[in-house]
C-alpha atoms as a PDB file:
ATOM      1  CA  MET A   1     -29.851  18.111 -59.215  1.00  0.00           C
ATOM      2  CA  ASN A   2     -30.528  16.713 -62.064  1.00  0.00           C
ATOM      3  CA  ARG A   3     -31.361  13.491 -61.482  1.00  0.00           C
ATOM      4  CA  ILE A   4     -34.607  14.978 -58.617  1.00  0.00           C
ATOM      5  CA  VAL A   5     -35.475  17.197 -61.655  1.00  0.00           C
ATOM      6  CA  LEU A   6     -35.879  13.893 -64.378  1.00  0.00           C
ATOM      7  CA  ALA A   7     -36.917  11.926 -61.290  1.00  0.00           C
ATOM      8  CA  SER A   8     -40.237  15.076 -60.792  1.00  0.00           C
ATOM      9  CA  ILE A   9     -40.268  14.595 -64.306  1.00  0.00           C
ATOM     10  CA  ALA A  10     -41.181  10.880 -64.528  1.00  0.00           C
ATOM     11  CA  ALA A  11     -42.951  11.037 -61.039  1.00  0.00           C
ATOM     12  CA  PHE A  12     -45.427  13.279 -62.535  1.00  0.00           C
ATOM     13  CA  GLY A  13     -45.625  11.508 -66.202  1.00  0.00           C
ATOM     14  CA  TYR A  14     -46.276   8.056 -64.116  1.00  0.00           C
ATOM     15  CA  ALA A  15     -48.782   9.712 -62.546  1.00  0.00           C
ATOM     16  CA  THR A  16     -50.891  10.714 -65.621  1.00  0.00           C
ATOM     17  CA  ALA A  17     -50.542   8.236 -67.673  1.00  0.00           C
ATOM     18  CA  PHE A  18     -53.185   6.281 -65.273  1.00  0.00           C
ATOM     19  CA  ALA A  19     -56.329   8.526 -65.979  1.00  0.00           C
ATOM     20  CA  ALA A  20     -58.667   8.170 -63.580  1.00  0.00           C
ATOM     21  CA  PRO A  21     -62.758   7.328 -64.649  1.00  0.00           C
ATOM     22  CA  VAL A  22     -64.170  10.064 -66.652  1.00  0.00           C
ATOM     23  CA  THR A  23     -68.173  11.186 -66.314  1.00  0.00           C
ATOM     24  CA  TYR A  24     -70.740  11.264 -69.688  1.00  0.00           C
ATOM     25  CA  VAL A  25     -73.547  12.478 -69.271  1.00  0.00           C
ATOM     26  CA  LEU A  26     -75.812  11.408 -72.201  1.00  0.00           C
ATOM     27  CA  ASP A  27     -77.087  14.059 -75.342  1.00  0.00           C
ATOM     28  CA  PRO A  28     -80.614  13.319 -75.334  1.00  0.00           C
ATOM     29  CA  LYS A  29     -80.301  14.869 -78.818  1.00  0.00           C
ATOM     30  CA  HIS A  30     -78.264  11.885 -79.826  1.00  0.00           C
ATOM     31  CA  THR A  31     -79.748   9.491 -77.669  1.00  0.00           C
ATOM     32  CA  TYR A  32     -82.270   6.698 -78.680  1.00  0.00           C
ATOM     33  CA  PRO A  33     -83.060   3.708 -77.964  1.00  0.00           C
ATOM     34  CA  SER A  34     -85.286   1.598 -80.701  1.00  0.00           C
ATOM     35  CA  PHE A  35     -86.852  -1.420 -80.085  1.00  0.00           C
ATOM     36  CA  ALA A  36     -88.905  -4.548 -82.642  1.00  0.00           C
ATOM     37  CA  ALA A  37     -91.462  -6.310 -81.776  1.00  0.00           C
ATOM     38  CA  ASP A  38     -94.057  -8.369 -83.485  1.00  0.00           C
ATOM     39  CA  HIS A  39     -96.939  -7.899 -85.082  1.00  0.00           C
ATOM     40  CA  LEU A  40     -99.877 -10.895 -84.942  1.00  0.00           C
ATOM     41  CA  ASN A  41     -96.937 -13.961 -84.957  1.00  0.00           C
ATOM     42  CA  GLY A  42     -95.174 -12.759 -87.823  1.00  0.00           C
ATOM     43  CA  LEU A  43     -97.281 -10.250 -89.664  1.00  0.00           C
ATOM     44  CA  SER A  44     -95.178  -7.636 -89.327  1.00  0.00           C
ATOM     45  CA  VAL A  45     -92.689  -6.068 -86.876  1.00  0.00           C
ATOM     46  CA  TRP A  46     -93.328  -3.274 -85.636  1.00  0.00           C
ATOM     47  CA  ARG A  47     -90.209  -0.141 -84.716  1.00  0.00           C
ATOM     48  CA  GLY A  48     -90.695   2.470 -82.680  1.00  0.00           C
ATOM     49  CA  LYS A  49     -88.338   4.176 -80.369  1.00  0.00           C
ATOM     50  CA  PHE A  50     -87.829   6.932 -77.603  1.00  0.00           C
ATOM     51  CA  THR A  51     -87.222  10.337 -77.860  1.00  0.00           C
ATOM     52  CA  GLU A  52     -86.014  11.626 -74.155  1.00  0.00           C
ATOM     53  CA  THR A  53     -83.289   9.199 -72.278  1.00  0.00           C
ATOM     54  CA  SER A  54     -81.080  10.881 -69.594  1.00  0.00           C
ATOM     55  CA  GLY A  55     -78.277   9.273 -68.129  1.00  0.00           C
ATOM     56  CA  LYS A  56     -74.956   8.821 -67.658  1.00  0.00           C
ATOM     57  CA  VAL A  57     -71.798   6.599 -67.935  1.00  0.00           C
ATOM     58  CA  VAL A  58     -68.691   6.231 -66.102  1.00  0.00           C
ATOM     59  CA  TYR A  59     -65.801   4.309 -68.026  1.00  0.00           C
ATOM     60  CA  ASP A  60     -61.962   4.143 -67.120  1.00  0.00           C
ATOM     61  CA  LYS A  61     -60.656   2.337 -70.072  1.00  0.00           C
ATOM     62  CA  ASP A  62     -57.125   2.059 -68.162  1.00  0.00           C
ATOM     63  CA  ALA A  63     -58.603   0.313 -65.548  1.00  0.00           C
ATOM     64  CA  LYS A  64     -61.185  -1.558 -67.477  1.00  0.00           C
ATOM     65  CA  THR A  65     -63.945  -0.576 -65.583  1.00  0.00           C
ATOM     66  CA  GLY A  66     -67.180   1.102 -66.165  1.00  0.00           C
ATOM     67  CA  SER A  67     -71.278   1.528 -65.681  1.00  0.00           C
ATOM     68  CA  ILE A  68     -74.392   2.586 -67.071  1.00  0.00           C
ATOM     69  CA  ASP A  69     -77.355   4.491 -65.774  1.00  0.00           C
ATOM     70  CA  VAL A  70     -80.291   5.723 -68.243  1.00  0.00           C
ATOM     71  CA  ALA A  71     -83.653   6.648 -67.315  1.00  0.00           C
ATOM     72  CA  VAL A  72     -85.945   6.325 -70.471  1.00  0.00           C
ATOM     73  CA  ASN A  73     -89.555   8.670 -70.670  1.00  0.00           C
ATOM     74  CA  LEU A  74     -91.568   5.631 -71.682  1.00  0.00           C
ATOM     75  CA  SER A  75     -94.872   8.657 -72.791  1.00  0.00           C
ATOM     76  CA  SER A  76     -92.073  10.068 -75.637  1.00  0.00           C
ATOM     77  CA  VAL A  77     -92.662   6.621 -77.230  1.00  0.00           C
ATOM     78  CA  ASP A  78     -92.378   6.959 -81.270  1.00  0.00           C
ATOM     79  CA  PHE A  79     -93.777   4.706 -83.071  1.00  0.00           C
ATOM     80  CA  GLY A  80     -94.608   7.477 -86.037  1.00  0.00           C
ATOM     81  CA  ASN A  81     -97.742   6.612 -85.997  1.00  0.00           C
ATOM     82  CA  ALA A  82     -99.975   8.710 -82.763  1.00  0.00           C
ATOM     83  CA  LYS A  83    -102.544   6.360 -82.355  1.00  0.00           C
ATOM     84  CA  LEU A  84     -99.961   3.194 -81.770  1.00  0.00           C
ATOM     85  CA  ASP A  85     -98.694   5.579 -79.214  1.00  0.00           C
ATOM     86  CA  GLU A  86    -101.673   6.906 -77.288  1.00  0.00           C
ATOM     87  CA  HIS A  87    -102.310   3.198 -76.800  1.00  0.00           C
ATOM     88  CA  ALA A  88     -98.130   1.863 -76.034  1.00  0.00           C
ATOM     89  CA  LYS A  89     -99.047   4.554 -73.276  1.00  0.00           C
ATOM     90  CA  SER A  90    -102.445   3.228 -72.166  1.00  0.00           C
ATOM     91  CA  ALA A  91    -102.047   0.271 -69.211  1.00  0.00           C
ATOM     92  CA  GLU A  92    -102.803  -2.676 -71.535  1.00  0.00           C
ATOM     93  CA  LEU A  93     -98.219  -1.925 -72.952  1.00  0.00           C
ATOM     94  CA  PHE A  94     -96.715   0.496 -70.825  1.00  0.00           C
ATOM     95  CA  ASP A  95     -99.050   2.202 -68.615  1.00  0.00           C
ATOM     96  CA  VAL A  96     -96.986   5.436 -68.386  1.00  0.00           C
ATOM     97  CA  ALA A  97     -99.565   6.430 -66.320  1.00  0.00           C
ATOM     98  CA  LYS A  98     -98.038   3.690 -63.527  1.00  0.00           C
ATOM     99  CA  TYR A  99     -94.539   3.023 -64.837  1.00  0.00           C
ATOM    100  CA  PRO A 100     -93.365   6.712 -66.851  1.00  0.00           C
ATOM    101  CA  THR A 101     -89.877   5.663 -66.992  1.00  0.00           C
ATOM    102  CA  ALA A 102     -87.622   2.206 -68.178  1.00  0.00           C
ATOM    103  CA  THR A 103     -84.317   2.274 -66.670  1.00  0.00           C
ATOM    104  CA  TYR A 104     -81.070   0.005 -66.582  1.00  0.00           C
ATOM    105  CA  VAL A 105     -78.526   0.434 -64.290  1.00  0.00           C
ATOM    106  CA  GLY A 106     -74.937  -1.692 -65.270  1.00  0.00           C
ATOM    107  CA  LYS A 107     -70.928  -2.136 -65.149  1.00  0.00           C
ATOM    108  CA  PHE A 108     -68.740  -3.171 -68.724  1.00  0.00           C
ATOM    109  CA  THR A 109     -68.110  -6.396 -67.520  1.00  0.00           C
ATOM    110  CA  LYS A 110     -66.711  -7.436 -71.350  1.00  0.00           C
ATOM    111  CA  TRP A 111     -63.485  -5.462 -73.502  1.00  0.00           C
ATOM    112  CA  ASN A 112     -61.864  -6.189 -76.011  1.00  0.00           C
ATOM    113  CA  GLY A 113     -58.529  -3.918 -75.738  1.00  0.00           C
ATOM    114  CA  ASP A 114     -59.880  -0.317 -73.837  1.00  0.00           C
ATOM    115  CA  LYS A 115     -63.745  -0.386 -75.627  1.00  0.00           C
ATOM    116  CA  PRO A 116     -66.249  -2.051 -73.678  1.00  0.00           C
ATOM    117  CA  THR A 117     -67.698  -4.786 -75.272  1.00  0.00           C
ATOM    118  CA  GLU A 118     -70.510  -5.960 -72.855  1.00  0.00           C
ATOM    119  CA  ALA A 119     -72.351  -4.533 -70.279  1.00  0.00           C
ATOM    120  CA  GLU A 120     -74.460  -6.458 -67.480  1.00  0.00           C
ATOM    121  CA  GLY A 121     -77.446  -4.625 -65.563  1.00  0.00           C
ATOM    122  CA  THR A 122     -80.459  -4.754 -64.273  1.00  0.00           C
ATOM    123  CA  PHE A 123     -83.643  -3.669 -66.534  1.00  0.00           C
ATOM    124  CA  THR A 124     -86.619  -2.342 -64.979  1.00  0.00           C
ATOM    125  CA  LEU A 125     -89.653  -1.835 -66.642  1.00  0.00           C
ATOM    126  CA  HIS A 126     -93.550  -1.661 -66.068  1.00  0.00           C
ATOM    127  CA  GLY A 127     -92.504  -2.157 -62.230  1.00  0.00           C
ATOM    128  CA  VAL A 128     -90.155  -5.513 -63.150  1.00  0.00           C
ATOM    129  CA  SER A 129     -86.724  -5.689 -62.877  1.00  0.00           C
ATOM    130  CA  LYS A 130     -83.967  -8.367 -64.211  1.00  0.00           C
ATOM    131  CA  PRO A 131     -81.086  -9.227 -65.313  1.00  0.00           C
ATOM    132  CA  LEU A 132     -80.054  -7.705 -68.484  1.00  0.00           C
ATOM    133  CA  THR A 133     -76.594  -8.303 -70.841  1.00  0.00           C
ATOM    134  CA  LEU A 134     -76.059  -5.572 -73.650  1.00  0.00           C
ATOM    135  CA  LYS A 135     -73.543  -6.146 -76.195  1.00  0.00           C
ATOM    136  CA  ILE A 136     -71.809  -3.053 -77.696  1.00  0.00           C
ATOM    137  CA  ASP A 137     -71.056  -3.006 -81.481  1.00  0.00           C
ATOM    138  CA  SER A 138     -69.690   0.252 -81.449  1.00  0.00           C
ATOM    139  CA  PHE A 139     -67.847   2.039 -78.754  1.00  0.00           C
ATOM    140  CA  LEU A 140     -65.590   5.493 -79.299  1.00  0.00           C
ATOM    141  CA  CYS A 141     -64.433   8.510 -77.783  1.00  0.00           C
ATOM    142  CA  LYS A 142     -62.427  11.172 -79.797  1.00  0.00           C
ATOM    143  CA  PRO A 143     -63.046  15.543 -80.272  1.00  0.00           C
ATOM    144  CA  ASN A 144     -66.295  16.127 -81.781  1.00  0.00           C
ATOM    145  CA  PRO A 145     -64.754  18.424 -85.053  1.00  0.00           C
ATOM    146  CA  MET A 146     -68.230  21.148 -83.729  1.00  0.00           C
ATOM    147  CA  THR A 147     -67.181  21.856 -80.397  1.00  0.00           C
ATOM    148  CA  LYS A 148     -63.774  20.496 -80.021  1.00  0.00           C
ATOM    149  CA  LYS A 149     -64.688  18.903 -76.732  1.00  0.00           C
ATOM    150  CA  GLU A 150     -64.062  14.861 -76.533  1.00  0.00           C
ATOM    151  CA  VAL A 151     -67.201  12.832 -77.025  1.00  0.00           C
ATOM    152  CA  CYS A 152     -68.026   9.665 -76.640  1.00  0.00           C
ATOM    153  CA  GLY A 153     -70.466   6.770 -78.138  1.00  0.00           C
ATOM    154  CA  ALA A 154     -71.668   3.531 -78.511  1.00  0.00           C
ATOM    155  CA  ASP A 155     -74.031   1.110 -80.349  1.00  0.00           C
ATOM    156  CA  ALA A 156     -75.413  -1.629 -78.469  1.00  0.00           C
ATOM    157  CA  ASN A 157     -78.470  -3.973 -78.382  1.00  0.00           C
ATOM    158  CA  ALA A 158     -80.109  -6.514 -76.618  1.00  0.00           C
ATOM    159  CA  SER A 159     -83.677  -8.900 -76.347  1.00  0.00           C
ATOM    160  CA  PHE A 160     -85.516  -9.602 -74.042  1.00  0.00           C
ATOM    161  CA  ASP A 161     -89.432 -10.919 -73.710  1.00  0.00           C
ATOM    162  CA  ARG A 162     -91.439  -8.822 -72.323  1.00  0.00           C
ATOM    163  CA  SER A 163     -94.041 -11.071 -70.952  1.00  0.00           C
ATOM    164  CA  ASP A 164     -91.257 -11.234 -68.127  1.00  0.00           C
ATOM    165  CA  TYR A 165     -92.144  -7.569 -67.742  1.00  0.00           C
ATOM    166  CA  GLY A 166     -95.913  -8.589 -67.487  1.00  0.00           C
ATOM    167  CA  VAL A 167     -96.477  -6.255 -70.706  1.00  0.00           C
ATOM    168  CA  THR A 168     -98.497  -9.255 -72.712  1.00  0.00           C
ATOM    169  CA  PHE A 169    -100.642  -7.018 -74.861  1.00  0.00           C
ATOM    170  CA  GLY A 170    -101.020  -9.199 -77.268  1.00  0.00           C
ATOM    171  CA  GLN A 171    -100.043 -11.998 -76.513  1.00  0.00           C
ATOM    172  CA  ALA A 172    -103.507 -13.291 -76.617  1.00  0.00           C
ATOM    173  CA  TYR A 173    -104.259 -13.060 -80.244  1.00  0.00           C
ATOM    174  CA  GLY A 174    -100.644 -15.030 -80.761  1.00  0.00           C
ATOM    175  CA  PHE A 175     -98.167 -12.115 -80.522  1.00  0.00           C
ATOM    176  CA  GLN A 176     -94.635 -13.039 -79.593  1.00  0.00           C
ATOM    177  CA  MET A 177     -93.043 -11.376 -76.651  1.00  0.00           C
ATOM    178  CA  TRP A 178     -89.814 -10.972 -77.869  1.00  0.00           C
ATOM    179  CA  VAL A 179     -88.751  -7.772 -78.201  1.00  0.00           C
ATOM    180  CA  LYS A 180     -85.031  -5.971 -79.531  1.00  0.00           C
ATOM    181  CA  LEU A 181     -84.431  -3.542 -78.980  1.00  0.00           C
ATOM    182  CA  GLU A 182     -80.781  -0.981 -80.318  1.00  0.00           C
ATOM    183  CA  ILE A 183     -79.475   1.418 -78.528  1.00  0.00           C
ATOM    184  CA  GLN A 184     -77.754   4.966 -80.620  1.00  0.00           C
ATOM    185  CA  VAL A 185     -75.900   6.510 -78.022  1.00  0.00           C
ATOM    186  CA  GLU A 186     -73.302   9.617 -76.657  1.00  0.00           C
ATOM    187  CA  GLY A 187     -71.976  11.427 -73.991  1.00  0.00           C
ATOM    188  CA  SER A 188     -69.713  13.699 -73.663  1.00  0.00           C
ATOM    189  CA  PRO A 189     -67.617  15.213 -70.189  1.00  0.00           C
ATOM    190  CA  ALA A 190     -69.704  15.810 -66.648  1.00  0.00           C
ATOM    191  CA  THR A 191     -68.157  18.941 -66.334  1.00  0.00           C
END
């Protein structure tokens, strides 16, 4: 009888040792993609962020798999300058009336232990979809000390040429077309 009990406990322990994938819903109050872009071929660098982001991350630390599915509301662009924000929303730049969102859909592809360090996926901006690799500089899951619930957070970055997406305003004036993304993100398990 003791052998049966011990075998049952061992089997239960073995079965629970392998966690299933967990889906984390992004917290819009703690998720802000920010960006830097050239102004007048090196005169200065303009920086801004987007204040409305939604999506989810699926994370399986044991299987070392996961995915990202994020949408950014381009109307939420914030340079800290209302006139520039309105220009960014216009047809000359994001054309939010026609292309209201930017999306990223990808999978974790590189790992350091149980933490992802890179994701490869497809970035869609201005109606154009192209491959984009995100470098994940930090990734951590732990209990939130205030809510006592598990949260995961990450800091990621990427660079791209905005003219590849048809966003070419300023090119005729000598603006460089590079954009650097810095993304802070937090999420909680879906309920």
